[in-house]
Structure formats: C-alpha cells, structure tokens
C-alpha cells in the first residue's frame, strides 16, 4: 500500500526516489559563504550572501510565513559542503515544491489525501500470521477508534487487498477536516500520506490525535514485523532513515504552521 502512495506522490520533489536521483547527477559547487534569514513582506526569506533565494524551476521568491521554517531552510543551506546536494535539503525541496505548485493545487492535494483514506493502510488487514494480526490490531484499531470518536465517523476494515468501499460520510468528513488548510500544510500532508501509506494517520496527526512517533510506528507495523523475522540490511535501513527525515520535515511544517 505504501508503495502505491509513494508512486502517486512522484510529482512532488520530496521522496526517497527523487533524493536518490539527485545523488546520481553532478552536484553544483557551493557558490556562497553566508546564509541569513530576514523578515520581509508576507513572512521570512533566506538569503545567500545577501541575495534572496528563489525556486530552481520557476525562479519564484522563496518566502515562508513563519520564521521556524525559514530557519530550517537556512540551516540546510549552511550545512552544504563544497557542493550543493538537494538530497540533504528536505525542507528546501518541500517548500520549493509547494511554491512552484501554487495555490491552485490545494484542492488537488486535498483530494489526493482523501482518495487514500478510502484505500487506507489501516483498513486492509493481514489474514496471517497471528502475530502480525495482533500487531496490526493493537496499533491500527486504536488509531481508528480515536478517529471515529473525534470525527464521528465509521470505517469498514477488511482482510486482504480486495477493495472495500468506505462510507461516503467518512470520506466527506475527512474532506472537511482539510478544508481550511493552505498550500504549505497540504504539501506536507501529501508528503506524510505518501511516506506513511495512510491519509487517516496524516489527518489524525494534523488534528493532534496522534504523536509523530505514534504515526511512524503505526505506519511500519508490517515492515517491523518482517524485520523481527528476517532482519534488515544496510540499504533498507538507509531508505527508512531517509524517509524518516522527509517525514520529520513535513511534521515540522505542520507544527510550525499550527503555532
């Protein structure tokens, strides 16, 4: 399920696959010495040797509404070595992606998250083994109960991968839960949905029903079960660490935009 969501989010520049691609191309040399954060009309921007940063494609001025996000971007720019590696700049990439998508994409981002709630990770359960069934129930049933109580909705979990239609009222209510969110938040929500495989977990996180660590753990019940039986390898661990950094970046956006 998570693989399907990551495939759907490929139009955005914040996935592990995109980062891996960036590692393969020739990286530009660092051309600046000083990085700064400055208040401007509409928020805060980052400067490199006093010049305002712009997005790489459309050359739009990078202005964000809160200082915390600009500070993280500045830290990413400052941390670059002799070459600029976008793979190590998840906040810069997320913000650039949002700005170049534009406000007109907000309804599409909202619809993307809601579409996944109808085929959500939490709703498709394993038939065996018993240990995995218990682990899924412990993490996922708890999450569904919290969501049901908070939003006044119901769900129809199923065993296996055959599509199970979900109540229309639930989908509508989840849409309402995202109705007033702006571009940066919805860009972060698409990222979280793709990285976790769950629109429901992403919405619960946005509404502070779950902690970030709870969401990450719930999203990796299946993977962690396999690791306990078969172990992991260095490449898989690296991919997961990269996904976690992308996830933490998107969570930071939600938290800063909430404050």
Protein backbone atom coordinates (compact mmCIF):
# COMPACT_ATOMS: atom_id res chain seq x y z
CA UNK A 1 0.00 0.00 0.00
CA UNK A 2 2.78 2.46 0.90
CA UNK A 3 4.47 1.81 -2.46
CA UNK A 4 1.27 2.81 -4.28
CA UNK A 5 1.07 6.08 -2.37
CA UNK A 6 4.70 6.93 -3.00
CA UNK A 7 4.11 6.31 -6.71
CA UNK A 8 1.16 8.71 -6.65
CA UNK A 9 3.29 11.41 -4.99
CA UNK A 10 6.10 11.32 -7.55
CA UNK A 11 5.09 14.71 -8.94
CA UNK A 12 6.49 16.18 -5.77
CA UNK A 13 10.19 16.58 -5.06
CA UNK A 14 10.32 15.21 -1.53
CA UNK A 15 10.53 11.41 -1.90
CA UNK A 16 13.42 8.99 -1.38
CA UNK A 17 13.43 8.10 -5.05
CA UNK A 18 13.87 11.73 -6.02
CA UNK A 19 16.66 12.10 -3.49
CA UNK A 20 18.41 9.03 -4.93
CA UNK A 21 18.15 10.53 -8.41
CA UNK A 22 19.71 13.75 -7.17
CA UNK A 23 22.62 11.77 -5.79
CA UNK A 24 23.37 10.43 -9.27
CA UNK A 25 23.60 13.79 -11.09
CA UNK A 26 26.59 16.11 -10.97
CA UNK A 27 26.13 18.41 -7.99
CA UNK A 28 26.71 22.16 -8.36
CA UNK A 29 29.53 23.73 -6.41
CA UNK A 30 28.68 25.85 -3.39
CA UNK A 31 28.75 29.47 -4.54
CA UNK A 32 28.01 31.34 -1.28
CA UNK A 33 29.57 31.89 2.13
CA UNK A 34 26.94 33.48 4.33
CA UNK A 35 23.34 32.35 4.93
CA UNK A 36 20.74 34.59 6.56
CA UNK A 37 17.06 34.73 7.49
CA UNK A 38 15.22 38.04 7.16
CA UNK A 39 11.66 39.29 7.76
CA UNK A 40 10.01 40.56 4.59
CA UNK A 41 6.50 41.42 3.45
CA UNK A 42 4.50 38.22 3.76
CA UNK A 43 6.86 36.36 6.09
CA UNK A 44 10.53 35.42 6.05
CA UNK A 45 13.10 34.62 3.41
CA UNK A 46 16.53 33.05 3.23
CA UNK A 47 19.48 34.87 1.70
CA UNK A 48 22.77 33.57 0.35
CA UNK A 49 25.45 36.26 0.60
CA UNK A 50 22.63 38.78 0.92
CA UNK A 51 20.71 37.63 -2.16
CA UNK A 52 17.19 36.27 -1.83
CA UNK A 53 16.80 32.56 -2.57
CA UNK A 54 14.47 31.64 -5.45
CA UNK A 55 12.92 28.35 -6.51
CA UNK A 56 15.03 26.35 -9.01
CA UNK A 57 12.43 25.96 -11.76
CA UNK A 58 10.15 28.98 -11.92
CA UNK A 59 12.56 31.32 -10.10
CA UNK A 60 9.92 32.40 -7.60
CA UNK A 61 10.99 34.27 -4.46
CA UNK A 62 11.06 31.86 -1.52
CA UNK A 63 9.02 33.48 1.23
CA UNK A 64 7.51 31.41 4.04
CA UNK A 65 5.01 32.63 6.64
CA UNK A 66 6.82 31.53 9.81
CA UNK A 67 10.40 32.00 11.00
CA UNK A 68 10.83 28.38 12.09
CA UNK A 69 10.52 27.02 8.55
CA UNK A 70 12.89 29.67 7.17
CA UNK A 71 15.39 28.82 9.90
CA UNK A 72 15.40 25.13 8.97
CA UNK A 73 15.89 26.05 5.32
CA UNK A 74 18.80 28.32 6.25
CA UNK A 75 20.36 25.53 8.31
CA UNK A 76 20.12 23.18 5.33
CA UNK A 77 21.81 25.72 3.06
CA UNK A 78 24.51 26.40 5.65
CA UNK A 79 25.20 22.68 6.14
CA UNK A 80 26.20 22.17 2.50
CA UNK A 81 29.84 21.38 1.90
CA UNK A 82 31.84 22.09 -1.22
CA UNK A 83 28.84 21.06 -3.35
CA UNK A 84 25.10 21.61 -3.00
CA UNK A 85 23.26 18.32 -2.50
CA UNK A 86 19.47 18.75 -2.67
CA UNK A 87 19.03 15.25 -1.26
CA UNK A 88 20.19 16.63 2.08
CA UNK A 89 17.79 19.58 1.98
CA UNK A 90 14.29 18.18 2.58
CA UNK A 91 12.76 21.43 3.84
CA UNK A 92 14.15 23.42 0.93
CA UNK A 93 12.73 20.86 -1.51
CA UNK A 94 9.34 20.70 0.21
CA UNK A 95 8.95 24.49 0.23
CA UNK A 96 10.16 24.84 -3.36
CA UNK A 97 7.70 22.16 -4.44
CA UNK A 98 4.84 23.94 -2.66
CA UNK A 99 5.64 27.34 -4.14
CA UNK A 100 6.04 26.04 -7.67
CA UNK A 101 2.81 24.02 -7.37
CA UNK A 102 0.92 27.17 -6.39
CA UNK A 103 -2.32 27.80 -4.53
CA UNK A 104 -4.33 26.38 -7.42
CA UNK A 105 -3.09 22.89 -6.48
CA UNK A 106 -4.58 22.92 -2.96
CA UNK A 107 -7.86 21.20 -3.99
CA UNK A 108 -5.91 18.51 -5.87
CA UNK A 109 -3.65 17.90 -2.87
CA UNK A 110 -6.70 17.67 -0.61
CA UNK A 111 -8.38 15.23 -2.97
CA UNK A 112 -5.23 13.12 -3.13
CA UNK A 113 -5.14 12.68 0.63
CA UNK A 114 -8.87 11.93 0.80
CA UNK A 115 -8.61 9.41 -2.02
CA UNK A 116 -6.12 7.45 0.04
CA UNK A 117 -8.37 7.42 3.11
CA UNK A 118 -10.74 5.27 1.09
CA UNK A 119 -7.97 2.70 0.48
CA UNK A 120 -6.05 3.33 3.64
CA UNK A 121 -3.25 1.27 5.14
CA UNK A 122 -5.22 0.98 8.38
CA UNK A 123 -8.20 -0.62 6.63
CA UNK A 124 -6.53 -3.60 4.90
CA UNK A 125 -5.54 -6.34 7.32
CA UNK A 126 -3.42 -9.45 7.09
CA UNK A 127 -5.08 -12.87 7.21
CA UNK A 128 -2.00 -14.42 8.82
CA UNK A 129 0.28 -14.92 10.70
CA UNK A 130 -1.37 -14.49 14.07
CA UNK A 131 1.48 -12.35 15.43
CA UNK A 132 1.08 -9.81 12.64
CA UNK A 133 -2.71 -9.79 13.05
CA UNK A 134 -2.31 -8.91 16.74
CA UNK A 135 0.26 -6.22 15.98
CA UNK A 136 -1.98 -4.60 13.36
CA UNK A 137 -4.99 -4.70 15.68
CA UNK A 138 -3.05 -3.17 18.57
CA UNK A 139 -1.79 -0.22 16.54
CA UNK A 140 -4.45 0.28 13.88
CA UNK A 141 -7.64 -0.39 15.85
CA UNK A 142 -6.52 2.13 18.46
CA UNK A 143 -5.98 4.73 15.73
CA UNK A 144 -9.35 4.04 14.08
CA UNK A 145 -11.19 4.34 17.40
CA UNK A 146 -9.62 7.74 18.06
CA UNK A 147 -10.51 8.95 14.57
CA UNK A 148 -14.06 7.59 14.82
CA UNK A 149 -14.70 9.32 18.14
CA UNK A 150 -13.14 12.63 17.14
CA UNK A 151 -14.80 12.97 13.74
CA UNK A 152 -18.00 10.99 14.37
CA UNK A 153 -17.36 8.55 11.53
CA UNK A 154 -17.18 4.80 10.96
CA UNK A 155 -14.86 2.58 8.94
CA UNK A 156 -15.10 -0.76 7.16
CA UNK A 157 -11.78 -2.61 7.61
CA UNK A 158 -11.29 -5.73 5.52
CA UNK A 159 -8.97 -8.73 5.34
CA UNK A 160 -6.81 -8.94 2.25
CA UNK A 161 -6.27 -6.48 -0.60
CA UNK A 162 -9.61 -6.57 -2.44
CA UNK A 163 -11.10 -3.09 -2.46
CA UNK A 164 -13.64 -2.43 0.29
CA UNK A 165 -15.75 0.72 -0.27
CA UNK A 166 -15.75 3.05 2.71
CA UNK A 167 -18.77 5.04 3.97
CA UNK A 168 -19.34 8.17 1.94
CA UNK A 169 -19.98 10.09 5.15
CA UNK A 170 -16.49 9.23 6.39
CA UNK A 171 -14.84 10.43 3.19
CA UNK A 172 -16.85 13.66 3.29
CA UNK A 173 -15.92 14.28 6.92
CA UNK A 174 -12.24 13.72 6.19
CA UNK A 175 -12.51 16.26 3.41
CA UNK A 176 -14.00 18.76 5.83
CA UNK A 177 -11.07 18.15 8.19
CA UNK A 178 -8.74 19.52 5.49
CA UNK A 179 -10.99 22.22 4.10
CA UNK A 180 -9.26 25.28 5.56
CA UNK A 181 -5.64 24.21 5.16
CA UNK A 182 -3.26 26.22 2.98
CA UNK A 183 -0.57 25.37 0.48
CA UNK A 184 2.33 24.54 2.80
CA UNK A 185 0.21 22.38 5.09
CA UNK A 186 -1.36 20.48 2.21
CA UNK A 187 2.03 19.93 0.58
CA UNK A 188 3.25 18.48 3.88
CA UNK A 189 0.11 16.36 4.17
CA UNK A 190 0.67 14.80 0.74
CA UNK A 191 4.23 14.02 1.79
CA UNK A 192 3.15 12.43 5.08
CA UNK A 193 0.43 10.41 3.36
CA UNK A 194 2.89 9.04 0.81
CA UNK A 195 5.58 8.28 3.37
CA UNK A 196 3.25 6.52 5.81
CA UNK A 197 0.76 4.95 3.39
CA UNK A 198 -2.11 6.46 5.36
CA UNK A 199 -4.27 9.51 4.80
CA UNK A 200 -6.06 8.67 8.04
CA UNK A 201 -2.87 8.78 10.07
CA UNK A 202 -1.89 12.04 8.36
CA UNK A 203 -5.25 13.65 9.20
CA UNK A 204 -5.08 12.38 12.77
CA UNK A 205 -1.60 13.85 13.09
CA UNK A 206 -2.77 17.20 11.73
CA UNK A 207 -5.54 17.28 14.34
CA UNK A 208 -3.15 16.19 17.12
CA UNK A 209 -4.89 12.88 17.77
CA UNK A 210 -1.56 11.07 17.44
CA UNK A 211 2.06 11.93 18.13
CA UNK A 212 4.54 11.88 15.24
CA UNK A 213 6.23 8.80 16.71
CA UNK A 214 2.88 7.02 17.08
CA UNK A 215 2.11 7.66 13.41
CA UNK A 216 5.52 6.45 12.26
CA UNK A 217 5.24 3.28 14.35
CA UNK A 218 1.72 2.54 13.09
CA UNK A 219 2.83 3.05 9.50
CA UNK A 220 5.60 0.49 9.90
CA UNK A 221 3.82 -2.36 11.68
CA UNK A 222 4.18 -4.68 8.70
CA UNK A 223 7.77 -3.68 7.99
CA UNK A 224 8.82 -4.04 11.61
CA UNK A 225 7.19 -7.47 11.77
CA UNK A 226 9.27 -8.60 8.80
CA UNK A 227 12.44 -7.14 10.31
CA UNK A 228 11.93 -9.11 13.51
CA UNK A 229 11.75 -12.33 11.49
CA UNK A 230 14.24 -11.71 8.69
CA UNK A 231 16.37 -8.83 9.87
CA UNK A 232 17.22 -5.77 7.81
CA UNK A 233 20.05 -4.74 5.54
CA UNK A 234 22.05 -1.56 5.23
CA UNK A 235 20.29 -0.33 2.10
CA UNK A 236 16.83 -0.84 3.60
CA UNK A 237 17.89 0.91 6.79
CA UNK A 238 19.23 3.83 4.74
CA UNK A 239 15.96 4.13 2.82
CA UNK A 240 13.98 4.14 6.03
CA UNK A 241 16.24 6.77 7.59
CA UNK A 242 15.79 8.95 4.51
CA UNK A 243 12.01 8.54 4.66
CA UNK A 244 12.06 9.42 8.34
CA UNK A 245 13.94 12.63 7.65
CA UNK A 246 11.40 13.56 4.97
CA UNK A 247 8.60 12.71 7.40
CA UNK A 248 10.09 14.78 10.24
CA UNK A 249 10.45 17.71 7.85
CA UNK A 250 6.78 17.56 6.86
CA UNK A 251 5.77 17.23 10.53
CA UNK A 252 7.85 20.33 11.32
CA UNK A 253 5.80 22.25 8.74
CA UNK A 254 2.53 21.15 10.37
CA UNK A 255 3.76 22.09 13.83
CA UNK A 256 5.13 25.50 12.83
CA UNK A 257 2.06 26.41 10.81
CA UNK A 258 -0.14 25.47 13.77
CA UNK A 259 1.70 27.75 16.22
